N, C-alpha and C. Protein backbone atom coordinates (compact mmCIF):
# COMPACT_ATOMS: atom_id res chain seq x y z
N MET A 1 16.17 33.29 -3.89
CA MET A 1 15.67 31.95 -3.64
C MET A 1 16.14 31.50 -2.25
N ASP A 2 15.24 30.93 -1.51
CA ASP A 2 15.55 30.41 -0.19
C ASP A 2 16.19 29.03 -0.33
N ASN A 3 17.50 28.94 -0.04
CA ASN A 3 18.22 27.68 -0.23
C ASN A 3 17.66 26.56 0.64
N ARG A 4 17.22 26.92 1.84
CA ARG A 4 16.68 25.89 2.72
C ARG A 4 15.43 25.25 2.11
N GLN A 5 14.54 26.07 1.55
CA GLN A 5 13.33 25.54 0.93
C GLN A 5 13.66 24.70 -0.30
N TYR A 6 14.61 25.16 -1.09
CA TYR A 6 15.03 24.38 -2.27
C TYR A 6 15.55 23.02 -1.85
N ASP A 7 16.39 22.98 -0.83
CA ASP A 7 16.93 21.72 -0.35
C ASP A 7 15.82 20.81 0.16
N THR A 8 14.83 21.39 0.81
CA THR A 8 13.71 20.60 1.32
C THR A 8 12.95 19.97 0.17
N ASN A 9 12.66 20.74 -0.87
CA ASN A 9 11.95 20.18 -2.02
C ASN A 9 12.77 19.07 -2.68
N LYS A 10 14.07 19.29 -2.83
CA LYS A 10 14.91 18.26 -3.43
C LYS A 10 14.92 17.01 -2.57
N ALA A 11 14.95 17.18 -1.28
CA ALA A 11 14.91 16.02 -0.38
C ALA A 11 13.61 15.26 -0.55
N TRP A 12 12.49 15.97 -0.70
CA TRP A 12 11.20 15.31 -0.91
C TRP A 12 11.19 14.57 -2.25
N VAL A 13 11.71 15.17 -3.28
CA VAL A 13 11.76 14.52 -4.60
C VAL A 13 12.63 13.26 -4.51
N ASP A 14 13.77 13.37 -3.87
CA ASP A 14 14.64 12.20 -3.70
C ASP A 14 13.94 11.11 -2.89
N TYR A 15 13.22 11.51 -1.86
CA TYR A 15 12.50 10.54 -1.03
C TYR A 15 11.40 9.85 -1.84
N LEU A 16 10.69 10.62 -2.68
CA LEU A 16 9.65 10.02 -3.52
C LEU A 16 10.25 9.02 -4.51
N GLU A 17 11.42 9.34 -5.03
CA GLU A 17 12.10 8.41 -5.93
C GLU A 17 12.48 7.13 -5.19
N PHE A 18 12.95 7.28 -3.96
CA PHE A 18 13.25 6.11 -3.13
C PHE A 18 12.00 5.28 -2.91
N LEU A 19 10.87 5.94 -2.59
CA LEU A 19 9.62 5.22 -2.39
C LEU A 19 9.19 4.48 -3.65
N ARG A 20 9.31 5.15 -4.78
CA ARG A 20 8.92 4.53 -6.06
C ARG A 20 9.77 3.28 -6.32
N ASN A 21 11.07 3.41 -6.17
CA ASN A 21 11.95 2.26 -6.41
C ASN A 21 11.68 1.12 -5.44
N SER A 22 11.49 1.45 -4.17
CA SER A 22 11.19 0.43 -3.17
C SER A 22 9.87 -0.25 -3.48
N PHE A 23 8.88 0.52 -3.87
CA PHE A 23 7.56 -0.02 -4.20
C PHE A 23 7.65 -0.96 -5.39
N ARG A 24 8.38 -0.56 -6.41
CA ARG A 24 8.50 -1.41 -7.61
C ARG A 24 9.20 -2.73 -7.29
N ILE A 25 10.23 -2.68 -6.46
CA ILE A 25 10.92 -3.91 -6.06
C ILE A 25 9.97 -4.80 -5.28
N TRP A 26 9.20 -4.21 -4.38
CA TRP A 26 8.24 -4.98 -3.58
C TRP A 26 7.18 -5.62 -4.48
N ILE A 27 6.67 -4.87 -5.46
CA ILE A 27 5.66 -5.41 -6.38
C ILE A 27 6.25 -6.57 -7.19
N GLN A 28 7.48 -6.42 -7.66
CA GLN A 28 8.11 -7.50 -8.42
C GLN A 28 8.24 -8.76 -7.57
N ALA A 29 8.64 -8.61 -6.32
CA ALA A 29 8.78 -9.75 -5.42
C ALA A 29 7.41 -10.39 -5.16
N THR A 30 6.41 -9.56 -4.95
CA THR A 30 5.05 -10.07 -4.72
C THR A 30 4.55 -10.85 -5.93
N ASN A 31 4.77 -10.31 -7.11
CA ASN A 31 4.36 -11.00 -8.34
C ASN A 31 5.09 -12.34 -8.49
N SER A 32 6.36 -12.36 -8.15
CA SER A 32 7.13 -13.61 -8.25
C SER A 32 6.58 -14.66 -7.28
N VAL A 33 6.26 -14.25 -6.06
CA VAL A 33 5.70 -15.18 -5.09
C VAL A 33 4.36 -15.71 -5.58
N GLN A 34 3.54 -14.83 -6.13
CA GLN A 34 2.24 -15.26 -6.65
C GLN A 34 2.42 -16.25 -7.81
N ASP A 35 3.35 -15.98 -8.70
CA ASP A 35 3.60 -16.88 -9.83
C ASP A 35 4.02 -18.27 -9.34
N VAL A 36 4.91 -18.33 -8.37
CA VAL A 36 5.36 -19.62 -7.83
C VAL A 36 4.19 -20.34 -7.16
N GLY A 37 3.39 -19.59 -6.40
CA GLY A 37 2.23 -20.19 -5.75
C GLY A 37 1.25 -20.76 -6.75
N GLU A 38 1.01 -20.02 -7.83
CA GLU A 38 0.11 -20.51 -8.88
C GLU A 38 0.64 -21.80 -9.49
N LYS A 39 1.93 -21.87 -9.78
CA LYS A 39 2.51 -23.06 -10.39
C LYS A 39 2.42 -24.26 -9.45
N MET A 40 2.66 -24.03 -8.16
CA MET A 40 2.57 -25.11 -7.20
C MET A 40 1.13 -25.61 -7.08
N LEU A 41 0.19 -24.69 -7.01
CA LEU A 41 -1.22 -25.07 -6.90
C LEU A 41 -1.69 -25.77 -8.17
N GLU A 42 -1.27 -25.27 -9.31
CA GLU A 42 -1.61 -25.89 -10.59
C GLU A 42 -1.10 -27.32 -10.64
N SER A 43 0.11 -27.52 -10.19
CA SER A 43 0.70 -28.87 -10.18
C SER A 43 -0.10 -29.79 -9.26
N ALA A 44 -0.46 -29.31 -8.09
CA ALA A 44 -1.23 -30.12 -7.15
C ALA A 44 -2.60 -30.46 -7.72
N ILE A 45 -3.23 -29.49 -8.37
CA ILE A 45 -4.56 -29.72 -8.96
C ILE A 45 -4.47 -30.75 -10.08
N GLN A 46 -3.46 -30.65 -10.91
CA GLN A 46 -3.31 -31.59 -12.02
C GLN A 46 -3.08 -33.02 -11.53
N GLN A 47 -2.45 -33.15 -10.38
CA GLN A 47 -2.18 -34.47 -9.86
C GLN A 47 -3.39 -35.09 -9.18
N SER A 48 -4.36 -34.27 -8.82
CA SER A 48 -5.57 -34.82 -8.22
C SER A 48 -6.49 -35.31 -9.33
N GLU A 49 -7.27 -36.29 -9.03
CA GLU A 49 -8.13 -36.88 -10.05
C GLU A 49 -9.53 -36.28 -10.06
N GLU A 50 -10.00 -35.87 -8.92
CA GLU A 50 -11.37 -35.39 -8.82
C GLU A 50 -11.43 -33.87 -8.92
N GLY A 51 -12.40 -33.39 -9.65
CA GLY A 51 -12.69 -31.96 -9.68
C GLY A 51 -11.65 -31.09 -10.33
N TYR A 52 -10.86 -31.66 -11.24
CA TYR A 52 -9.79 -30.87 -11.86
C TYR A 52 -10.34 -29.60 -12.53
N LYS A 53 -11.36 -29.74 -13.33
CA LYS A 53 -11.87 -28.57 -14.08
C LYS A 53 -12.44 -27.51 -13.15
N GLU A 54 -13.14 -27.93 -12.10
CA GLU A 54 -13.71 -26.97 -11.16
C GLU A 54 -12.60 -26.23 -10.39
N TRP A 55 -11.62 -27.00 -9.93
CA TRP A 55 -10.50 -26.39 -9.23
C TRP A 55 -9.73 -25.46 -10.16
N GLN A 56 -9.53 -25.90 -11.37
CA GLN A 56 -8.79 -25.08 -12.34
C GLN A 56 -9.50 -23.75 -12.55
N LYS A 57 -10.82 -23.79 -12.67
CA LYS A 57 -11.59 -22.56 -12.87
C LYS A 57 -11.47 -21.65 -11.65
N LEU A 58 -11.57 -22.22 -10.46
CA LEU A 58 -11.43 -21.42 -9.23
C LEU A 58 -10.05 -20.77 -9.13
N VAL A 59 -9.03 -21.55 -9.43
CA VAL A 59 -7.65 -21.01 -9.36
C VAL A 59 -7.45 -19.92 -10.39
N ASN A 60 -7.94 -20.14 -11.60
CA ASN A 60 -7.79 -19.11 -12.63
C ASN A 60 -8.51 -17.82 -12.26
N ASN A 61 -9.73 -17.94 -11.74
CA ASN A 61 -10.47 -16.75 -11.31
C ASN A 61 -9.76 -16.02 -10.18
N TRP A 62 -9.30 -16.80 -9.20
CA TRP A 62 -8.59 -16.22 -8.07
C TRP A 62 -7.32 -15.50 -8.54
N SER A 63 -6.59 -16.15 -9.42
CA SER A 63 -5.34 -15.59 -9.93
C SER A 63 -5.59 -14.29 -10.69
N GLU A 64 -6.58 -14.28 -11.56
CA GLU A 64 -6.89 -13.08 -12.33
C GLU A 64 -7.35 -11.94 -11.42
N ASP A 65 -8.17 -12.26 -10.43
CA ASP A 65 -8.62 -11.23 -9.49
C ASP A 65 -7.45 -10.63 -8.72
N CYS A 66 -6.52 -11.48 -8.30
CA CYS A 66 -5.33 -11.00 -7.58
C CYS A 66 -4.48 -10.10 -8.46
N LYS A 67 -4.31 -10.50 -9.71
CA LYS A 67 -3.49 -9.71 -10.63
C LYS A 67 -4.15 -8.36 -10.93
N LYS A 68 -5.47 -8.35 -11.10
CA LYS A 68 -6.18 -7.09 -11.34
C LYS A 68 -6.03 -6.16 -10.14
N SER A 69 -6.20 -6.72 -8.95
CA SER A 69 -6.07 -5.92 -7.73
C SER A 69 -4.66 -5.36 -7.60
N CYS A 70 -3.68 -6.17 -7.91
CA CYS A 70 -2.29 -5.73 -7.82
C CYS A 70 -2.02 -4.60 -8.82
N ARG A 71 -2.51 -4.76 -10.05
CA ARG A 71 -2.31 -3.71 -11.06
C ARG A 71 -3.00 -2.41 -10.62
N TYR A 72 -4.22 -2.52 -10.08
CA TYR A 72 -4.94 -1.33 -9.61
C TYR A 72 -4.16 -0.64 -8.50
N TYR A 73 -3.68 -1.43 -7.55
CA TYR A 73 -2.90 -0.89 -6.43
C TYR A 73 -1.63 -0.23 -6.94
N GLN A 74 -0.93 -0.91 -7.84
CA GLN A 74 0.31 -0.37 -8.39
C GLN A 74 0.04 0.94 -9.14
N ASN A 75 -0.99 0.96 -9.96
CA ASN A 75 -1.31 2.19 -10.71
C ASN A 75 -1.69 3.33 -9.79
N THR A 76 -2.40 3.03 -8.71
CA THR A 76 -2.77 4.06 -7.74
C THR A 76 -1.54 4.66 -7.08
N ILE A 77 -0.62 3.81 -6.64
CA ILE A 77 0.61 4.29 -6.00
C ILE A 77 1.43 5.11 -6.99
N GLU A 78 1.61 4.61 -8.19
CA GLU A 78 2.40 5.32 -9.20
C GLU A 78 1.77 6.69 -9.50
N ARG A 79 0.45 6.73 -9.64
CA ARG A 79 -0.23 8.00 -9.92
C ARG A 79 -0.04 8.99 -8.77
N ASN A 80 -0.18 8.52 -7.55
CA ASN A 80 -0.02 9.41 -6.40
C ASN A 80 1.40 9.91 -6.25
N LEU A 81 2.38 9.06 -6.52
CA LEU A 81 3.77 9.51 -6.47
C LEU A 81 4.03 10.57 -7.54
N LYS A 82 3.47 10.37 -8.73
CA LYS A 82 3.63 11.36 -9.79
C LYS A 82 2.99 12.69 -9.41
N GLU A 83 1.81 12.65 -8.81
CA GLU A 83 1.14 13.88 -8.38
C GLU A 83 1.98 14.62 -7.34
N MET A 84 2.58 13.89 -6.42
CA MET A 84 3.44 14.53 -5.41
C MET A 84 4.66 15.17 -6.07
N GLU A 85 5.26 14.48 -7.04
CA GLU A 85 6.41 15.05 -7.74
C GLU A 85 6.02 16.32 -8.49
N GLU A 86 4.88 16.28 -9.14
CA GLU A 86 4.42 17.47 -9.87
C GLU A 86 4.16 18.63 -8.92
N PHE A 87 3.55 18.34 -7.78
CA PHE A 87 3.31 19.38 -6.79
C PHE A 87 4.61 20.01 -6.32
N LEU A 88 5.59 19.17 -6.03
CA LEU A 88 6.88 19.68 -5.55
C LEU A 88 7.62 20.44 -6.65
N SER A 89 7.51 20.00 -7.89
CA SER A 89 8.21 20.71 -8.97
C SER A 89 7.56 22.06 -9.22
N HIS A 90 6.25 22.17 -9.04
CA HIS A 90 5.59 23.47 -9.19
C HIS A 90 5.96 24.42 -8.06
N ARG A 91 6.20 23.88 -6.89
CA ARG A 91 6.64 24.72 -5.77
C ARG A 91 7.99 25.35 -6.09
N ASP A 92 8.87 24.57 -6.74
CA ASP A 92 10.18 25.10 -7.13
C ASP A 92 10.04 26.19 -8.18
N GLU A 93 9.11 26.01 -9.13
CA GLU A 93 8.93 26.98 -10.21
C GLU A 93 8.36 28.29 -9.70
N GLU A 94 7.59 28.27 -8.64
CA GLU A 94 6.96 29.49 -8.11
C GLU A 94 7.97 30.41 -7.45
N LYS A 95 9.11 29.90 -7.12
CA LYS A 95 10.10 30.73 -6.41
C LYS A 95 10.91 31.56 -7.36
């Protein structure tokens, strides 16, 4: 077994784990910011007298669309990281 190649694969696996952890922390922070923004906007809309129901509908649609997009993005990143890990683990098995 070529030790240099093994070390390279391990470094890639470790780097992918770092990326995954960093990505998850970033997603959590993004979700928290979105939640706070929604609450602030909801409060402002409730305090206004005109167009509450229309604004509420717009905010709810916008919020749901953002959450769907975020979940899609997160799932895509997670899937791609898993594929890279599987590729690297198969490279180790071939040796």
